[in-house]
Amino acid sequence: MYLRIHKVPEGGEIVAACDRELLNRTLTDGEIEFFVDERFYGITPATEEELINALKDAKNANLTGKRVVSVAISCGVADEESCLMIGDIPHVQIL
């Protein structure tokens, strides 16, 4: 998986993470087209532990992919009901 932490002017952070195989791919489902852009998700590889640590401190997150979303669900920051499915790929935003 890839992880990037964006600093926002108000002093917070946005955690962006995606499954490795999704980076720079366009996900489609009907009229939905979602580009998993490396400029947003970054190109820094991350472990599950690194993602969990980033999510613990984050007030906002944007997560795409089965593995990344599964980690977020397992550590209690997201739930399956909040996932948007783009085809068979889960996407979740935490605010």
PDB file of N, CA and C in Angstrom:
ATOM      1  N   MET A   1       0.833  -1.176   0.000  1.00  0.00           N
ATOM      2  CA  MET A   1       0.000   0.000   0.000  1.00  0.00           C
ATOM      3  C   MET A   1       0.875   1.235   0.000  1.00  0.00           C
ATOM      4  N   TYR A   2       0.277   2.335  -0.429  1.00  0.00           N
ATOM      5  CA  TYR A   2       0.975   3.619  -0.433  1.00  0.00           C
ATOM      6  C   TYR A   2       0.278   4.565   0.539  1.00  0.00           C
ATOM      7  N   LEU A   3       1.057   5.429   1.172  1.00  0.00           N
ATOM      8  CA  LEU A   3       0.542   6.329   2.198  1.00  0.00           C
ATOM      9  C   LEU A   3       1.163   7.708   2.016  1.00  0.00           C
ATOM     10  N   ARG A   4       0.299   8.713   2.106  1.00  0.00           N
ATOM     11  CA  ARG A   4       0.775  10.092   2.096  1.00  0.00           C
ATOM     12  C   ARG A   4      -0.036  10.869   3.120  1.00  0.00           C
ATOM     13  N   ILE A   5       0.628  11.685   3.895  1.00  0.00           N
ATOM     14  CA  ILE A   5      -0.047  12.504   4.892  1.00  0.00           C
ATOM     15  C   ILE A   5       0.059  13.956   4.444  1.00  0.00           C
ATOM     16  N   HIS A   6      -1.097  14.562   4.210  1.00  0.00           N
ATOM     17  CA  HIS A   6      -1.168  15.955   3.781  1.00  0.00           C
ATOM     18  C   HIS A   6      -1.390  16.832   5.011  1.00  0.00           C
ATOM     19  N   LYS A   7      -0.580  17.844   5.151  1.00  0.00           N
ATOM     20  CA  LYS A   7      -0.772  18.833   6.219  1.00  0.00           C
ATOM     21  C   LYS A   7      -1.730  19.893   5.704  1.00  0.00           C
ATOM     22  N   VAL A   8      -2.714  20.250   6.522  1.00  0.00           N
ATOM     23  CA  VAL A   8      -3.660  21.285   6.119  1.00  0.00           C
ATOM     24  C   VAL A   8      -3.399  22.541   6.940  1.00  0.00           C
ATOM     25  N   PRO A   9      -3.695  23.719   6.360  1.00  0.00           N
ATOM     26  CA  PRO A   9      -3.364  24.994   7.017  1.00  0.00           C
ATOM     27  C   PRO A   9      -3.947  25.146   8.420  1.00  0.00           C
ATOM     28  N   GLU A  10      -5.082  24.518   8.678  1.00  0.00           N
ATOM     29  CA  GLU A  10      -5.718  24.662   9.994  1.00  0.00           C
ATOM     30  C   GLU A  10      -5.018  23.848  11.072  1.00  0.00           C
ATOM     31  N   GLY A  11      -3.936  23.159  10.711  1.00  0.00           N
ATOM     32  CA  GLY A  11      -3.174  22.405  11.698  1.00  0.00           C
ATOM     33  C   GLY A  11      -3.476  20.923  11.724  1.00  0.00           C
ATOM     34  N   GLY A  12      -4.351  20.458  10.880  1.00  0.00           N
ATOM     35  CA  GLY A  12      -4.685  19.042  10.861  1.00  0.00           C
ATOM     36  C   GLY A  12      -3.958  18.290   9.766  1.00  0.00           C
ATOM     37  N   GLU A  13      -4.399  17.077   9.569  1.00  0.00           N
ATOM     38  CA  GLU A  13      -3.816  16.215   8.557  1.00  0.00           C
ATOM     39  C   GLU A  13      -4.904  15.462   7.809  1.00  0.00           C
ATOM     40  N   ILE A  14      -4.615  15.129   6.572  1.00  0.00           N
ATOM     41  CA  ILE A  14      -5.446  14.219   5.797  1.00  0.00           C
ATOM     42  C   ILE A  14      -4.563  13.035   5.439  1.00  0.00           C
ATOM     43  N   VAL A  15      -4.990  11.857   5.854  1.00  0.00           N
ATOM     44  CA  VAL A  15      -4.268  10.638   5.519  1.00  0.00           C
ATOM     45  C   VAL A  15      -4.844  10.102   4.212  1.00  0.00           C
ATOM     46  N   ALA A  16      -3.972   9.896   3.239  1.00  0.00           N
ATOM     47  CA  ALA A  16      -4.372   9.313   1.963  1.00  0.00           C
ATOM     48  C   ALA A  16      -3.626   7.990   1.815  1.00  0.00           C
ATOM     49  N   ALA A  17      -4.372   6.913   1.538  1.00  0.00           N
ATOM     50  CA  ALA A  17      -3.735   5.607   1.375  1.00  0.00           C
ATOM     51  C   ALA A  17      -4.506   4.798   0.346  1.00  0.00           C
ATOM     52  N   CYS A  18      -3.754   4.017  -0.414  1.00  0.00           N
ATOM     53  CA  CYS A  18      -4.379   3.147  -1.406  1.00  0.00           C
ATOM     54  C   CYS A  18      -3.593   1.851  -1.512  1.00  0.00           C
ATOM     55  N   ASP A  19      -4.266   0.833  -2.019  1.00  0.00           N
ATOM     56  CA  ASP A  19      -3.589  -0.421  -2.310  1.00  0.00           C
ATOM     57  C   ASP A  19      -2.604  -0.195  -3.449  1.00  0.00           C
ATOM     58  N   ARG A  20      -1.490  -0.852  -3.376  1.00  0.00           N
ATOM     59  CA  ARG A  20      -0.390  -0.652  -4.314  1.00  0.00           C
ATOM     60  C   ARG A  20      -0.811  -0.832  -5.767  1.00  0.00           C
ATOM     61  N   GLU A  21      -1.598  -1.858  -6.053  1.00  0.00           N
ATOM     62  CA  GLU A  21      -1.964  -2.160  -7.441  1.00  0.00           C
ATOM     63  C   GLU A  21      -2.961  -1.164  -8.034  1.00  0.00           C
ATOM     64  N   LEU A  22      -3.516  -0.284  -7.216  1.00  0.00           N
ATOM     65  CA  LEU A  22      -4.510   0.683  -7.701  1.00  0.00           C
ATOM     66  C   LEU A  22      -3.899   2.017  -8.115  1.00  0.00           C
ATOM     67  N   LEU A  23      -2.672   2.281  -7.692  1.00  0.00           N
ATOM     68  CA  LEU A  23      -2.063   3.582  -7.966  1.00  0.00           C
ATOM     69  C   LEU A  23      -1.999   3.853  -9.467  1.00  0.00           C
ATOM     70  N   ASN A  24      -2.454   5.047  -9.836  1.00  0.00           N
ATOM     71  CA  ASN A  24      -2.492   5.520 -11.230  1.00  0.00           C
ATOM     72  C   ASN A  24      -3.449   4.725 -12.111  1.00  0.00           C
ATOM     73  N   ARG A  25      -4.441   4.111 -11.498  1.00  0.00           N
ATOM     74  CA  ARG A  25      -5.492   3.420 -12.248  1.00  0.00           C
ATOM     75  C   ARG A  25      -6.785   4.217 -12.140  1.00  0.00           C
ATOM     76  N   THR A  26      -7.626   4.104 -13.141  1.00  0.00           N
ATOM     77  CA  THR A  26      -8.955   4.688 -13.098  1.00  0.00           C
ATOM     78  C   THR A  26      -9.941   3.577 -12.766  1.00  0.00           C
ATOM     79  N   LEU A  27     -10.680   3.761 -11.670  1.00  0.00           N
ATOM     80  CA  LEU A  27     -11.718   2.823 -11.278  1.00  0.00           C
ATOM     81  C   LEU A  27     -13.027   3.304 -11.880  1.00  0.00           C
ATOM     82  N   THR A  28     -13.815   2.398 -12.421  1.00  0.00           N
ATOM     83  CA  THR A  28     -15.082   2.789 -13.022  1.00  0.00           C
ATOM     84  C   THR A  28     -16.195   1.884 -12.530  1.00  0.00           C
ATOM     85  N   ASP A  29     -17.371   2.478 -12.431  1.00  0.00           N
ATOM     86  CA  ASP A  29     -18.589   1.753 -12.080  1.00  0.00           C
ATOM     87  C   ASP A  29     -19.745   2.587 -12.597  1.00  0.00           C
ATOM     88  N   GLY A  30     -20.321   2.171 -13.705  1.00  0.00           N
ATOM     89  CA  GLY A  30     -21.376   2.976 -14.316  1.00  0.00           C
ATOM     90  C   GLY A  30     -20.819   4.322 -14.722  1.00  0.00           C
ATOM     91  N   GLU A  31     -21.435   5.384 -14.223  1.00  0.00           N
ATOM     92  CA  GLU A  31     -20.984   6.737 -14.560  1.00  0.00           C
ATOM     93  C   GLU A  31     -19.852   7.232 -13.669  1.00  0.00           C
ATOM     94  N   ILE A  32     -19.514   6.467 -12.648  1.00  0.00           N
ATOM     95  CA  ILE A  32     -18.435   6.872 -11.732  1.00  0.00           C
ATOM     96  C   ILE A  32     -17.086   6.535 -12.342  1.00  0.00           C
ATOM     97  N   GLU A  33     -16.212   7.525 -12.389  1.00  0.00           N
ATOM     98  CA  GLU A  33     -14.814   7.322 -12.748  1.00  0.00           C
ATOM     99  C   GLU A  33     -13.975   7.951 -11.653  1.00  0.00           C
ATOM    100  N   PHE A  34     -13.084   7.179 -11.085  1.00  0.00           N
ATOM    101  CA  PHE A  34     -12.267   7.627  -9.956  1.00  0.00           C
ATOM    102  C   PHE A  34     -10.811   7.296 -10.254  1.00  0.00           C
ATOM    103  N   PHE A  35      -9.976   8.334 -10.395  1.00  0.00           N
ATOM    104  CA  PHE A  35      -8.562   8.135 -10.694  1.00  0.00           C
ATOM    105  C   PHE A  35      -7.761   8.110  -9.399  1.00  0.00           C
ATOM    106  N   VAL A  36      -7.025   7.050  -9.179  1.00  0.00           N
ATOM    107  CA  VAL A  36      -6.195   6.897  -7.979  1.00  0.00           C
ATOM    108  C   VAL A  36      -4.835   7.523  -8.293  1.00  0.00           C
ATOM    109  N   ASP A  37      -4.738   8.801  -8.035  1.00  0.00           N
ATOM    110  CA  ASP A  37      -3.627   9.643  -8.482  1.00  0.00           C
ATOM    111  C   ASP A  37      -2.459   9.619  -7.493  1.00  0.00           C
ATOM    112  N   GLU A  38      -1.269   9.344  -8.009  1.00  0.00           N
ATOM    113  CA  GLU A  38      -0.090   9.321  -7.143  1.00  0.00           C
ATOM    114  C   GLU A  38       0.222  10.691  -6.552  1.00  0.00           C
ATOM    115  N   ARG A  39      -0.239  11.758  -7.185  1.00  0.00           N
ATOM    116  CA  ARG A  39      -0.002  13.090  -6.614  1.00  0.00           C
ATOM    117  C   ARG A  39      -0.764  13.259  -5.304  1.00  0.00           C
ATOM    118  N   PHE A  40      -1.883  12.559  -5.141  1.00  0.00           N
ATOM    119  CA  PHE A  40      -2.642  12.633  -3.899  1.00  0.00           C
ATOM    120  C   PHE A  40      -2.246  11.509  -2.940  1.00  0.00           C
ATOM    121  N   TYR A  41      -2.187  10.271  -3.442  1.00  0.00           N
ATOM    122  CA  TYR A  41      -1.920   9.117  -2.580  1.00  0.00           C
ATOM    123  C   TYR A  41      -0.440   8.909  -2.294  1.00  0.00           C
ATOM    124  N   GLY A  42       0.415   9.541  -3.070  1.00  0.00           N
ATOM    125  CA  GLY A  42       1.844   9.435  -2.840  1.00  0.00           C
ATOM    126  C   GLY A  42       2.437   8.157  -3.414  1.00  0.00           C
ATOM    127  N   ILE A  43       3.753   8.062  -3.277  1.00  0.00           N
ATOM    128  CA  ILE A  43       4.471   6.895  -3.781  1.00  0.00           C
ATOM    129  C   ILE A  43       5.334   6.267  -2.688  1.00  0.00           C
ATOM    130  N   THR A  44       5.012   6.590  -1.438  1.00  0.00           N
ATOM    131  CA  THR A  44       5.759   6.045  -0.317  1.00  0.00           C
ATOM    132  C   THR A  44       5.107   4.749   0.154  1.00  0.00           C
ATOM    133  N   PRO A  45       5.806   3.622   0.020  1.00  0.00           N
ATOM    134  CA  PRO A  45       5.248   2.358   0.501  1.00  0.00           C
ATOM    135  C   PRO A  45       5.049   2.414   2.016  1.00  0.00           C
ATOM    136  N   ALA A  46       4.008   1.734   2.481  1.00  0.00           N
ATOM    137  CA  ALA A  46       3.719   1.722   3.918  1.00  0.00           C
ATOM    138  C   ALA A  46       3.277   0.328   4.348  1.00  0.00           C
ATOM    139  N   THR A  47       3.563   0.018   5.585  1.00  0.00           N
ATOM    140  CA  THR A  47       3.104  -1.236   6.181  1.00  0.00           C
ATOM    141  C   THR A  47       1.735  -1.013   6.823  1.00  0.00           C
ATOM    142  N   GLU A  48       1.081  -2.102   7.204  1.00  0.00           N
ATOM    143  CA  GLU A  48      -0.187  -1.976   7.916  1.00  0.00           C
ATOM    144  C   GLU A  48       0.001  -1.197   9.212  1.00  0.00           C
ATOM    145  N   GLU A  49       1.076  -1.461   9.912  1.00  0.00           N
ATOM    146  CA  GLU A  49       1.347  -0.763  11.178  1.00  0.00           C
ATOM    147  C   GLU A  49       1.500   0.742  10.956  1.00  0.00           C
ATOM    148  N   GLU A  50       2.197   1.138   9.904  1.00  0.00           N
ATOM    149  CA  GLU A  50       2.362   2.564   9.608  1.00  0.00           C
ATOM    150  C   GLU A  50       1.023   3.208   9.279  1.00  0.00           C
ATOM    151  N   LEU A  51       0.176   2.493   8.537  1.00  0.00           N
ATOM    152  CA  LEU A  51      -1.153   3.023   8.232  1.00  0.00           C
ATOM    153  C   LEU A  51      -1.979   3.166   9.500  1.00  0.00           C
ATOM    154  N   ILE A  52      -1.970   2.162  10.344  1.00  0.00           N
ATOM    155  CA  ILE A  52      -2.724   2.214  11.602  1.00  0.00           C
ATOM    156  C   ILE A  52      -2.263   3.404  12.441  1.00  0.00           C
ATOM    157  N   ASN A  53      -0.969   3.608  12.564  1.00  0.00           N
ATOM    158  CA  ASN A  53      -0.446   4.738  13.349  1.00  0.00           C
ATOM    159  C   ASN A  53      -0.878   6.069  12.755  1.00  0.00           C
ATOM    160  N   ALA A  54      -0.869   6.180  11.433  1.00  0.00           N
ATOM    161  CA  ALA A  54      -1.306   7.422  10.784  1.00  0.00           C
ATOM    162  C   ALA A  54      -2.792   7.654  11.016  1.00  0.00           C
ATOM    163  N   LEU A  55      -3.591   6.601  10.940  1.00  0.00           N
ATOM    164  CA  LEU A  55      -5.042   6.740  11.111  1.00  0.00           C
ATOM    165  C   LEU A  55      -5.410   7.103  12.546  1.00  0.00           C
ATOM    166  N   LYS A  56      -4.646   6.637  13.523  1.00  0.00           N
ATOM    167  CA  LYS A  56      -4.930   6.949  14.927  1.00  0.00           C
ATOM    168  C   LYS A  56      -4.883   8.447  15.189  1.00  0.00           C
ATOM    169  N   ASP A  57      -3.998   9.160  14.504  1.00  0.00           N
ATOM    170  CA  ASP A  57      -3.810  10.590  14.727  1.00  0.00           C
ATOM    171  C   ASP A  57      -4.609  11.464  13.769  1.00  0.00           C
ATOM    172  N   ALA A  58      -5.258  10.849  12.785  1.00  0.00           N
ATOM    173  CA  ALA A  58      -5.904  11.628  11.726  1.00  0.00           C
ATOM    174  C   ALA A  58      -7.350  11.972  12.056  1.00  0.00           C
ATOM    175  N   LYS A  59      -7.732  13.174  11.675  1.00  0.00           N
ATOM    176  CA  LYS A  59      -9.133  13.580  11.771  1.00  0.00           C
ATOM    177  C   LYS A  59      -9.833  13.341  10.430  1.00  0.00           C
ATOM    178  N   ASN A  60      -9.038  13.290   9.355  1.00  0.00           N
ATOM    179  CA  ASN A  60      -9.566  13.076   8.012  1.00  0.00           C
ATOM    180  C   ASN A  60      -8.718  12.029   7.297  1.00  0.00           C
ATOM    181  N   ALA A  61      -9.398  11.201   6.489  1.00  0.00           N
ATOM    182  CA  ALA A  61      -8.671  10.205   5.706  1.00  0.00           C
ATOM    183  C   ALA A  61      -9.435   9.916   4.422  1.00  0.00           C
ATOM    184  N   ASN A  62      -8.679   9.540   3.411  1.00  0.00           N
ATOM    185  CA  ASN A  62      -9.222   9.158   2.121  1.00  0.00           C
ATOM    186  C   ASN A  62      -8.529   7.850   1.758  1.00  0.00           C
ATOM    187  N   LEU A  63      -9.288   6.757   1.748  1.00  0.00           N
ATOM    188  CA  LEU A  63      -8.714   5.421   1.628  1.00  0.00           C
ATOM    189  C   LEU A  63      -9.356   4.668   0.472  1.00  0.00           C
ATOM    190  N   THR A  64      -8.522   4.022  -0.351  1.00  0.00           N
ATOM    191  CA  THR A  64      -9.027   3.297  -1.506  1.00  0.00           C
ATOM    192  C   THR A  64      -8.333   1.951  -1.624  1.00  0.00           C
ATOM    193  N   GLY A  65      -9.135   0.899  -1.676  1.00  0.00           N
ATOM    194  CA  GLY A  65      -8.594  -0.440  -1.886  1.00  0.00           C
ATOM    195  C   GLY A  65      -9.029  -1.411  -0.809  1.00  0.00           C
ATOM    196  N   LYS A  66      -9.090  -2.672  -1.171  1.00  0.00           N
ATOM    197  CA  LYS A  66      -9.549  -3.710  -0.241  1.00  0.00           C
ATOM    198  C   LYS A  66      -8.660  -3.828   0.992  1.00  0.00           C
ATOM    199  N   ARG A  67      -7.362  -3.827   0.785  1.00  0.00           N
ATOM    200  CA  ARG A  67      -6.451  -3.998   1.920  1.00  0.00           C
ATOM    201  C   ARG A  67      -6.457  -2.782   2.839  1.00  0.00           C
ATOM    202  N   VAL A  68      -6.345  -1.594   2.258  1.00  0.00           N
ATOM    203  CA  VAL A  68      -6.305  -0.353   3.042  1.00  0.00           C
ATOM    204  C   VAL A  68      -7.599  -0.181   3.839  1.00  0.00           C
ATOM    205  N   VAL A  69      -8.727  -0.377   3.205  1.00  0.00           N
ATOM    206  CA  VAL A  69     -10.005  -0.217   3.894  1.00  0.00           C
ATOM    207  C   VAL A  69     -10.178  -1.291   4.959  1.00  0.00           C
ATOM    208  N   SER A  70      -9.717  -2.498   4.689  1.00  0.00           N
ATOM    209  CA  SER A  70      -9.781  -3.565   5.686  1.00  0.00           C
ATOM    210  C   SER A  70      -8.991  -3.200   6.941  1.00  0.00           C
ATOM    211  N   VAL A  71      -7.828  -2.588   6.769  1.00  0.00           N
ATOM    212  CA  VAL A  71      -7.024  -2.143   7.913  1.00  0.00           C
ATOM    213  C   VAL A  71      -7.787  -1.082   8.707  1.00  0.00           C
ATOM    214  N   ALA A  72      -8.405  -0.131   8.001  1.00  0.00           N
ATOM    215  CA  ALA A  72      -9.165   0.930   8.677  1.00  0.00           C
ATOM    216  C   ALA A  72     -10.342   0.356   9.462  1.00  0.00           C
ATOM    217  N   ILE A  73     -11.004  -0.632   8.900  1.00  0.00           N
ATOM    218  CA  ILE A  73     -12.129  -1.273   9.593  1.00  0.00           C
ATOM    219  C   ILE A  73     -11.622  -2.043  10.810  1.00  0.00           C
ATOM    220  N   SER A  74     -10.538  -2.789  10.642  1.00  0.00           N
ATOM    221  CA  SER A  74     -10.028  -3.608  11.749  1.00  0.00           C
ATOM    222  C   SER A  74      -9.527  -2.779  12.922  1.00  0.00           C
ATOM    223  N   CYS A  75      -9.057  -1.548  12.662  1.00  0.00           N
ATOM    224  CA  CYS A  75      -8.593  -0.718  13.783  1.00  0.00           C
ATOM    225  C   CYS A  75      -9.685   0.230  14.284  1.00  0.00           C
ATOM    226  N   GLY A  76     -10.891   0.119  13.730  1.00  0.00           N
ATOM    227  CA  GLY A  76     -12.043   0.825  14.278  1.00  0.00           C
ATOM    228  C   GLY A  76     -12.258   2.248  13.805  1.00  0.00           C
ATOM    229  N   VAL A  77     -11.581   2.701  12.769  1.00  0.00           N
ATOM    230  CA  VAL A  77     -11.782   4.070  12.305  1.00  0.00           C
ATOM    231  C   VAL A  77     -12.777   4.163  11.153  1.00  0.00           C
ATOM    232  N   ALA A  78     -13.182   3.016  10.610  1.00  0.00           N
ATOM    233  CA  ALA A  78     -14.176   2.983   9.528  1.00  0.00           C
ATOM    234  C   ALA A  78     -15.047   1.752   9.723  1.00  0.00           C
ATOM    235  N   ASP A  79     -16.187   1.752   9.061  1.00  0.00           N
ATOM    236  CA  ASP A  79     -17.028   0.563   9.070  1.00  0.00           C
ATOM    237  C   ASP A  79     -17.511   0.272   7.655  1.00  0.00           C
ATOM    238  N   GLU A  80     -17.912  -0.969   7.430  1.00  0.00           N
ATOM    239  CA  GLU A  80     -18.303  -1.386   6.085  1.00  0.00           C
ATOM    240  C   GLU A  80     -19.441  -0.553   5.516  1.00  0.00           C
ATOM    241  N   GLU A  81     -20.352  -0.105   6.350  1.00  0.00           N
ATOM    242  CA  GLU A  81     -21.507   0.661   5.896  1.00  0.00           C
ATOM    243  C   GLU A  81     -21.118   2.015   5.314  1.00  0.00           C
ATOM    244  N   SER A  82     -19.952   2.524   5.692  1.00  0.00           N
ATOM    245  CA  SER A  82     -19.528   3.833   5.200  1.00  0.00           C
ATOM    246  C   SER A  82     -18.730   3.752   3.897  1.00  0.00           C
ATOM    247  N   CYS A  83     -18.527   2.543   3.391  1.00  0.00           N
ATOM    248  CA  CYS A  83     -17.743   2.350   2.167  1.00  0.00           C
ATOM    249  C   CYS A  83     -18.588   2.589   0.922  1.00  0.00           C
ATOM    250  N   LEU A  84     -18.000   3.264  -0.024  1.00  0.00           N
ATOM    251  CA  LEU A  84     -18.551   3.397  -1.362  1.00  0.00           C
ATOM    252  C   LEU A  84     -17.843   2.354  -2.206  1.00  0.00           C
ATOM    253  N   MET A  85     -18.601   1.513  -2.897  1.00  0.00           N
ATOM    254  CA  MET A  85     -17.989   0.513  -3.760  1.00  0.00           C
ATOM    255  C   MET A  85     -17.909   1.065  -5.178  1.00  0.00           C
ATOM    256  N   ILE A  86     -16.725   1.054  -5.733  1.00  0.00           N
ATOM    257  CA  ILE A  86     -16.513   1.444  -7.122  1.00  0.00           C
ATOM    258  C   ILE A  86     -16.148   0.140  -7.834  1.00  0.00           C
ATOM    259  N   GLY A  87     -17.152  -0.475  -8.447  1.00  0.00           N
ATOM    260  CA  GLY A  87     -16.975  -1.842  -8.915  1.00  0.00           C
ATOM    261  C   GLY A  87     -16.823  -2.722  -7.695  1.00  0.00           C
ATOM    262  N   ASP A  88     -15.713  -3.452  -7.618  1.00  0.00           N
ATOM    263  CA  ASP A  88     -15.480  -4.286  -6.438  1.00  0.00           C
ATOM    264  C   ASP A  88     -14.407  -3.702  -5.513  1.00  0.00           C
ATOM    265  N   ILE A  89     -14.102  -2.418  -5.690  1.00  0.00           N
ATOM    266  CA  ILE A  89     -13.063  -1.742  -4.894  1.00  0.00           C
ATOM    267  C   ILE A  89     -13.718  -0.801  -3.885  1.00  0.00           C
ATOM    268  N   PRO A  90     -13.453  -1.001  -2.584  1.00  0.00           N
ATOM    269  CA  PRO A  90     -14.016  -0.087  -1.581  1.00  0.00           C
ATOM    270  C   PRO A  90     -13.230   1.222  -1.493  1.00  0.00           C
ATOM    271  N   HIS A  91     -13.982   2.276  -1.229  1.00  0.00           N
ATOM    272  CA  HIS A  91     -13.411   3.611  -1.018  1.00  0.00           C
ATOM    273  C   HIS A  91     -14.123   4.203   0.185  1.00  0.00           C
ATOM    274  N   VAL A  92     -13.380   4.804   1.084  1.00  0.00           N
ATOM    275  CA  VAL A  92     -14.002   5.421   2.259  1.00  0.00           C
ATOM    276  C   VAL A  92     -13.313   6.746   2.555  1.00  0.00           C
ATOM    277  N   GLN A  93     -14.140   7.715   2.947  1.00  0.00           N
ATOM    278  CA  GLN A  93     -13.627   8.997   3.411  1.00  0.00           C
ATOM    279  C   GLN A  93     -14.027   9.135   4.874  1.00  0.00           C
ATOM    280  N   ILE A  94     -13.088   9.516   5.687  1.00  0.00           N
ATOM    281  CA  ILE A  94     -13.329   9.718   7.108  1.00  0.00           C
ATOM    282  C   ILE A  94     -13.185  11.206   7.395  1.00  0.00           C
ATOM    283  N   LEU A  95     -14.223  11.774   7.972  1.00  0.00           N
ATOM    284  CA  LEU A  95     -14.216  13.213   8.284  1.00  0.00           C
ATOM    285  C   LEU A  95     -14.394  13.431   9.760  1.00  0.00           C
TER     286      LEU A  95
END
